[in-house]
Amino acid sequence: MTKRFLNVFDNIDIDEDLRELMRETDVVKISTNPIKNTLHVIISGGEELKGERLFRLQSALKKGLFG
């Protein structure tokens, strides 16, 4: 079962450029390692995230989830 990225991470503060990309993106799976110090988010759909956009999204998730 997938859910839209912005529904799963509704409290993440991202700029409008990324928000527009994430509107069409689904979260396929979220998992963590056994000691819970790494989070894996698998997404699908929309435009491929590369370089600076990927870094900005990772930073926003880290800040929004872990402070």
PDB file of N, CA and C in Angstrom:
ATOM      1  N   MET A   1       0.844  -1.187   0.000  1.00  0.00           N
ATOM      2  CA  MET A   1       0.000   0.000   0.000  1.00  0.00           C
ATOM      3  C   MET A   1       0.885   1.244   0.000  1.00  0.00           C
ATOM      4  N   THR A   2       0.599   2.147  -0.876  1.00  0.00           N
ATOM      5  CA  THR A   2       1.361   3.395  -0.939  1.00  0.00           C
ATOM      6  C   THR A   2       0.489   4.556  -0.499  1.00  0.00           C
ATOM      7  N   LYS A   3       1.155   5.603  -0.048  1.00  0.00           N
ATOM      8  CA  LYS A   3       0.478   6.850   0.311  1.00  0.00           C
ATOM      9  C   LYS A   3       1.278   7.996  -0.284  1.00  0.00           C
ATOM     10  N   ARG A   4       0.609   9.089  -0.540  1.00  0.00           N
ATOM     11  CA  ARG A   4       1.274  10.268  -1.081  1.00  0.00           C
ATOM     12  C   ARG A   4       2.297  10.803  -0.075  1.00  0.00           C
ATOM     13  N   PHE A   5       3.427  11.238  -0.606  1.00  0.00           N
ATOM     14  CA  PHE A   5       4.517  11.744   0.223  1.00  0.00           C
ATOM     15  C   PHE A   5       4.038  12.848   1.157  1.00  0.00           C
ATOM     16  N   LEU A   6       3.293  13.802   0.631  1.00  0.00           N
ATOM     17  CA  LEU A   6       2.861  14.939   1.443  1.00  0.00           C
ATOM     18  C   LEU A   6       1.819  14.553   2.490  1.00  0.00           C
ATOM     19  N   ASN A   7       1.157  13.417   2.333  1.00  0.00           N
ATOM     20  CA  ASN A   7       0.252  12.926   3.373  1.00  0.00           C
ATOM     21  C   ASN A   7       1.025  12.241   4.491  1.00  0.00           C
ATOM     22  N   VAL A   8       2.093  11.544   4.131  1.00  0.00           N
ATOM     23  CA  VAL A   8       2.910  10.851   5.128  1.00  0.00           C
ATOM     24  C   VAL A   8       3.760  11.843   5.914  1.00  0.00           C
ATOM     25  N   PHE A   9       4.386  12.761   5.209  1.00  0.00           N
ATOM     26  CA  PHE A   9       5.289  13.727   5.836  1.00  0.00           C
ATOM     27  C   PHE A   9       4.668  15.128   5.773  1.00  0.00           C
ATOM     28  N   ASP A  10       3.488  15.272   6.320  1.00  0.00           N
ATOM     29  CA  ASP A  10       2.769  16.549   6.244  1.00  0.00           C
ATOM     30  C   ASP A  10       3.388  17.654   7.088  1.00  0.00           C
ATOM     31  N   ASN A  11       4.238  17.312   8.049  1.00  0.00           N
ATOM     32  CA  ASN A  11       4.847  18.320   8.911  1.00  0.00           C
ATOM     33  C   ASN A  11       6.232  18.746   8.439  1.00  0.00           C
ATOM     34  N   ILE A  12       6.692  18.242   7.301  1.00  0.00           N
ATOM     35  CA  ILE A  12       8.018  18.574   6.786  1.00  0.00           C
ATOM     36  C   ILE A  12       7.957  19.913   6.062  1.00  0.00           C
ATOM     37  N   ASP A  13       8.884  20.802   6.424  1.00  0.00           N
ATOM     38  CA  ASP A  13       8.952  22.129   5.826  1.00  0.00           C
ATOM     39  C   ASP A  13       9.866  22.079   4.602  1.00  0.00           C
ATOM     40  N   ILE A  14       9.273  22.063   3.412  1.00  0.00           N
ATOM     41  CA  ILE A  14      10.055  22.070   2.175  1.00  0.00           C
ATOM     42  C   ILE A  14       9.604  23.233   1.309  1.00  0.00           C
ATOM     43  N   ASP A  15      10.526  23.711   0.474  1.00  0.00           N
ATOM     44  CA  ASP A  15      10.190  24.856  -0.371  1.00  0.00           C
ATOM     45  C   ASP A  15       9.205  24.439  -1.468  1.00  0.00           C
ATOM     46  N   GLU A  16       8.644  25.415  -2.127  1.00  0.00           N
ATOM     47  CA  GLU A  16       7.569  25.170  -3.097  1.00  0.00           C
ATOM     48  C   GLU A  16       8.030  24.317  -4.279  1.00  0.00           C
ATOM     49  N   ASP A  17       9.276  24.457  -4.683  1.00  0.00           N
ATOM     50  CA  ASP A  17       9.836  23.657  -5.780  1.00  0.00           C
ATOM     51  C   ASP A  17       9.764  22.163  -5.441  1.00  0.00           C
ATOM     52  N   LEU A  18      10.243  21.785  -4.275  1.00  0.00           N
ATOM     53  CA  LEU A  18      10.186  20.387  -3.851  1.00  0.00           C
ATOM     54  C   LEU A  18       8.758  19.945  -3.564  1.00  0.00           C
ATOM     55  N   ARG A  19       7.977  20.808  -2.971  1.00  0.00           N
ATOM     56  CA  ARG A  19       6.590  20.467  -2.656  1.00  0.00           C
ATOM     57  C   ARG A  19       5.824  20.094  -3.927  1.00  0.00           C
ATOM     58  N   GLU A  20       6.066  20.819  -4.997  1.00  0.00           N
ATOM     59  CA  GLU A  20       5.408  20.531  -6.272  1.00  0.00           C
ATOM     60  C   GLU A  20       5.812  19.142  -6.782  1.00  0.00           C
ATOM     61  N   LEU A  21       7.086  18.794  -6.673  1.00  0.00           N
ATOM     62  CA  LEU A  21       7.551  17.466  -7.082  1.00  0.00           C
ATOM     63  C   LEU A  21       6.948  16.365  -6.214  1.00  0.00           C
ATOM     64  N   MET A  22       6.850  16.616  -4.926  1.00  0.00           N
ATOM     65  CA  MET A  22       6.378  15.598  -3.995  1.00  0.00           C
ATOM     66  C   MET A  22       4.873  15.370  -4.070  1.00  0.00           C
ATOM     67  N   ARG A  23       4.134  16.285  -4.675  1.00  0.00           N
ATOM     68  CA  ARG A  23       2.681  16.102  -4.824  1.00  0.00           C
ATOM     69  C   ARG A  23       2.349  14.842  -5.624  1.00  0.00           C
ATOM     70  N   GLU A  24       3.208  14.497  -6.563  1.00  0.00           N
ATOM     71  CA  GLU A  24       2.975  13.339  -7.426  1.00  0.00           C
ATOM     72  C   GLU A  24       3.815  12.128  -7.025  1.00  0.00           C
ATOM     73  N   THR A  25       4.378  12.158  -5.826  1.00  0.00           N
ATOM     74  CA  THR A  25       5.282  11.103  -5.372  1.00  0.00           C
ATOM     75  C   THR A  25       4.630  10.280  -4.275  1.00  0.00           C
ATOM     76  N   ASP A  26       4.776   8.967  -4.370  1.00  0.00           N
ATOM     77  CA  ASP A  26       4.230   8.049  -3.370  1.00  0.00           C
ATOM     78  C   ASP A  26       5.345   7.507  -2.488  1.00  0.00           C
ATOM     79  N   VAL A  27       5.024   7.280  -1.219  1.00  0.00           N
ATOM     80  CA  VAL A  27       5.924   6.570  -0.317  1.00  0.00           C
ATOM     81  C   VAL A  27       5.550   5.100  -0.409  1.00  0.00           C
ATOM     82  N   VAL A  28       6.506   4.291  -0.826  1.00  0.00           N
ATOM     83  CA  VAL A  28       6.284   2.860  -1.010  1.00  0.00           C
ATOM     84  C   VAL A  28       6.588   2.105   0.277  1.00  0.00           C
ATOM     85  N   LYS A  29       7.669   2.501   0.941  1.00  0.00           N
ATOM     86  CA  LYS A  29       8.088   1.775   2.142  1.00  0.00           C
ATOM     87  C   LYS A  29       8.937   2.676   3.022  1.00  0.00           C
ATOM     88  N   ILE A  30       8.775   2.528   4.329  1.00  0.00           N
ATOM     89  CA  ILE A  30       9.622   3.185   5.314  1.00  0.00           C
ATOM     90  C   ILE A  30      10.137   2.087   6.229  1.00  0.00           C
ATOM     91  N   SER A  31      11.447   2.060   6.417  1.00  0.00           N
ATOM     92  CA  SER A  31      12.029   1.050   7.305  1.00  0.00           C
ATOM     93  C   SER A  31      13.210   1.643   8.057  1.00  0.00           C
ATOM     94  N   THR A  32      13.636   0.939   9.089  1.00  0.00           N
ATOM     95  CA  THR A  32      14.783   1.345   9.875  1.00  0.00           C
ATOM     96  C   THR A  32      15.654   0.132  10.140  1.00  0.00           C
ATOM     97  N   ASN A  33      16.890   0.379  10.489  1.00  0.00           N
ATOM     98  CA  ASN A  33      17.770  -0.731  10.819  1.00  0.00           C
ATOM     99  C   ASN A  33      17.494  -1.180  12.262  1.00  0.00           C
ATOM    100  N   PRO A  34      18.043  -2.330  12.687  1.00  0.00           N
ATOM    101  CA  PRO A  34      17.727  -2.863  14.025  1.00  0.00           C
ATOM    102  C   PRO A  34      18.055  -1.931  15.194  1.00  0.00           C
ATOM    103  N   ILE A  35      19.097  -1.104  15.058  1.00  0.00           N
ATOM    104  CA  ILE A  35      19.410  -0.212  16.182  1.00  0.00           C
ATOM    105  C   ILE A  35      18.766   1.168  16.026  1.00  0.00           C
ATOM    106  N   LYS A  36      17.946   1.307  14.999  1.00  0.00           N
ATOM    107  CA  LYS A  36      17.108   2.489  14.761  1.00  0.00           C
ATOM    108  C   LYS A  36      17.886   3.810  14.678  1.00  0.00           C
ATOM    109  N   ASN A  37      19.023   3.752  13.991  1.00  0.00           N
ATOM    110  CA  ASN A  37      19.750   4.998  13.772  1.00  0.00           C
ATOM    111  C   ASN A  37      19.790   5.395  12.295  1.00  0.00           C
ATOM    112  N   THR A  38      19.117   4.618  11.451  1.00  0.00           N
ATOM    113  CA  THR A  38      19.025   4.920  10.027  1.00  0.00           C
ATOM    114  C   THR A  38      17.597   4.686   9.553  1.00  0.00           C
ATOM    115  N   LEU A  39      17.070   5.641   8.820  1.00  0.00           N
ATOM    116  CA  LEU A  39      15.723   5.543   8.280  1.00  0.00           C
ATOM    117  C   LEU A  39      15.824   5.445   6.763  1.00  0.00           C
ATOM    118  N   HIS A  40      15.137   4.488   6.168  1.00  0.00           N
ATOM    119  CA  HIS A  40      15.099   4.318   4.717  1.00  0.00           C
ATOM    120  C   HIS A  40      13.686   4.648   4.243  1.00  0.00           C
ATOM    121  N   VAL A  41      13.578   5.561   3.303  1.00  0.00           N
ATOM    122  CA  VAL A  41      12.289   5.935   2.726  1.00  0.00           C
ATOM    123  C   VAL A  41      12.360   5.643   1.233  1.00  0.00           C
ATOM    124  N   ILE A  42      11.510   4.739   0.770  1.00  0.00           N
ATOM    125  CA  ILE A  42      11.474   4.389  -0.642  1.00  0.00           C
ATOM    126  C   ILE A  42      10.282   5.107  -1.267  1.00  0.00           C
ATOM    127  N   ILE A  43      10.573   5.900  -2.305  1.00  0.00           N
ATOM    128  CA  ILE A  43       9.540   6.681  -2.966  1.00  0.00           C
ATOM    129  C   ILE A  43       9.443   6.271  -4.431  1.00  0.00           C
ATOM    130  N   SER A  44       8.296   6.567  -5.031  1.00  0.00           N
ATOM    131  CA  SER A  44       8.062   6.200  -6.421  1.00  0.00           C
ATOM    132  C   SER A  44       7.215   7.272  -7.090  1.00  0.00           C
ATOM    133  N   GLY A  45       7.468   7.454  -8.385  1.00  0.00           N
ATOM    134  CA  GLY A  45       6.651   8.371  -9.165  1.00  0.00           C
ATOM    135  C   GLY A  45       7.287   9.733  -9.294  1.00  0.00           C
ATOM    136  N   GLY A  46       6.651  10.530 -10.091  1.00  0.00           N
ATOM    137  CA  GLY A  46       7.148  11.883 -10.284  1.00  0.00           C
ATOM    138  C   GLY A  46       8.485  11.914 -10.990  1.00  0.00           C
ATOM    139  N   GLU A  47       9.152  13.013 -10.876  1.00  0.00           N
ATOM    140  CA  GLU A  47      10.443  13.243 -11.515  1.00  0.00           C
ATOM    141  C   GLU A  47      11.565  12.681 -10.644  1.00  0.00           C
ATOM    142  N   GLU A  48      12.613  12.190 -11.279  1.00  0.00           N
ATOM    143  CA  GLU A  48      13.753  11.645 -10.537  1.00  0.00           C
ATOM    144  C   GLU A  48      14.439  12.744  -9.731  1.00  0.00           C
ATOM    145  N   LEU A  49      14.725  12.442  -8.475  1.00  0.00           N
ATOM    146  CA  LEU A  49      15.427  13.391  -7.613  1.00  0.00           C
ATOM    147  C   LEU A  49      16.923  13.151  -7.718  1.00  0.00           C
ATOM    148  N   LYS A  50      17.645  14.195  -8.051  1.00  0.00           N
ATOM    149  CA  LYS A  50      19.097  14.098  -8.176  1.00  0.00           C
ATOM    150  C   LYS A  50      19.738  15.307  -7.516  1.00  0.00           C
ATOM    151  N   GLY A  51      20.997  15.149  -7.181  1.00  0.00           N
ATOM    152  CA  GLY A  51      21.830  16.259  -6.741  1.00  0.00           C
ATOM    153  C   GLY A  51      21.244  17.111  -5.646  1.00  0.00           C
ATOM    154  N   GLU A  52      21.169  18.397  -5.936  1.00  0.00           N
ATOM    155  CA  GLU A  52      20.760  19.378  -4.936  1.00  0.00           C
ATOM    156  C   GLU A  52      19.340  19.138  -4.422  1.00  0.00           C
ATOM    157  N   ARG A  53      18.421  18.759  -5.284  1.00  0.00           N
ATOM    158  CA  ARG A  53      17.038  18.497  -4.845  1.00  0.00           C
ATOM    159  C   ARG A  53      16.989  17.350  -3.844  1.00  0.00           C
ATOM    160  N   LEU A  54      17.721  16.284  -4.119  1.00  0.00           N
ATOM    161  CA  LEU A  54      17.767  15.149  -3.212  1.00  0.00           C
ATOM    162  C   LEU A  54      18.371  15.554  -1.876  1.00  0.00           C
ATOM    163  N   PHE A  55      19.453  16.313  -1.912  1.00  0.00           N
ATOM    164  CA  PHE A  55      20.088  16.778  -0.686  1.00  0.00           C
ATOM    165  C   PHE A  55      19.141  17.657   0.132  1.00  0.00           C
ATOM    166  N   ARG A  56      18.414  18.555  -0.545  1.00  0.00           N
ATOM    167  CA  ARG A  56      17.460  19.430   0.157  1.00  0.00           C
ATOM    168  C   ARG A  56      16.336  18.623   0.798  1.00  0.00           C
ATOM    169  N   LEU A  57      15.855  17.605   0.088  1.00  0.00           N
ATOM    170  CA  LEU A  57      14.796  16.763   0.645  1.00  0.00           C
ATOM    171  C   LEU A  57      15.311  15.963   1.840  1.00  0.00           C
ATOM    172  N   GLN A  58      16.496  15.393   1.733  1.00  0.00           N
ATOM    173  CA  GLN A  58      17.087  14.655   2.849  1.00  0.00           C
ATOM    174  C   GLN A  58      17.256  15.561   4.066  1.00  0.00           C
ATOM    175  N   SER A  59      17.736  16.763   3.850  1.00  0.00           N
ATOM    176  CA  SER A  59      17.933  17.710   4.943  1.00  0.00           C
ATOM    177  C   SER A  59      16.613  18.089   5.604  1.00  0.00           C
ATOM    178  N   ALA A  60      15.595  18.320   4.803  1.00  0.00           N
ATOM    179  CA  ALA A  60      14.276  18.670   5.336  1.00  0.00           C
ATOM    180  C   ALA A  60      13.692  17.530   6.153  1.00  0.00           C
ATOM    181  N   LEU A  61      13.841  16.295   5.663  1.00  0.00           N
ATOM    182  CA  LEU A  61      13.342  15.131   6.414  1.00  0.00           C
ATOM    183  C   LEU A  61      14.087  14.970   7.728  1.00  0.00           C
ATOM    184  N   LYS A  62      15.398  15.112   7.678  1.00  0.00           N
ATOM    185  CA  LYS A  62      16.203  14.980   8.897  1.00  0.00           C
ATOM    186  C   LYS A  62      15.794  16.039   9.932  1.00  0.00           C
ATOM    187  N   LYS A  63      15.670  17.278   9.484  1.00  0.00           N
ATOM    188  CA  LYS A  63      15.292  18.364  10.387  1.00  0.00           C
ATOM    189  C   LYS A  63      13.875  18.165  10.926  1.00  0.00           C
ATOM    190  N   GLY A  64      12.948  17.786  10.053  1.00  0.00           N
ATOM    191  CA  GLY A  64      11.556  17.628  10.463  1.00  0.00           C
ATOM    192  C   GLY A  64      11.300  16.426  11.359  1.00  0.00           C
ATOM    193  N   LEU A  65      12.062  15.357  11.164  1.00  0.00           N
ATOM    194  CA  LEU A  65      11.836  14.142  11.943  1.00  0.00           C
ATOM    195  C   LEU A  65      12.686  14.056  13.208  1.00  0.00           C
ATOM    196  N   PHE A  66      13.908  14.602  13.142  1.00  0.00           N
ATOM    197  CA  PHE A  66      14.838  14.438  14.252  1.00  0.00           C
ATOM    198  C   PHE A  66      15.247  15.731  14.920  1.00  0.00           C
ATOM    199  N   GLY A  67      14.710  16.851  14.432  1.00  0.00           N
ATOM    200  CA  GLY A  67      14.977  18.123  15.073  1.00  0.00           C
ATOM    201  C   GLY A  67      16.235  18.767  14.755  1.00  0.00           C
TER     202      GLY A  67
END
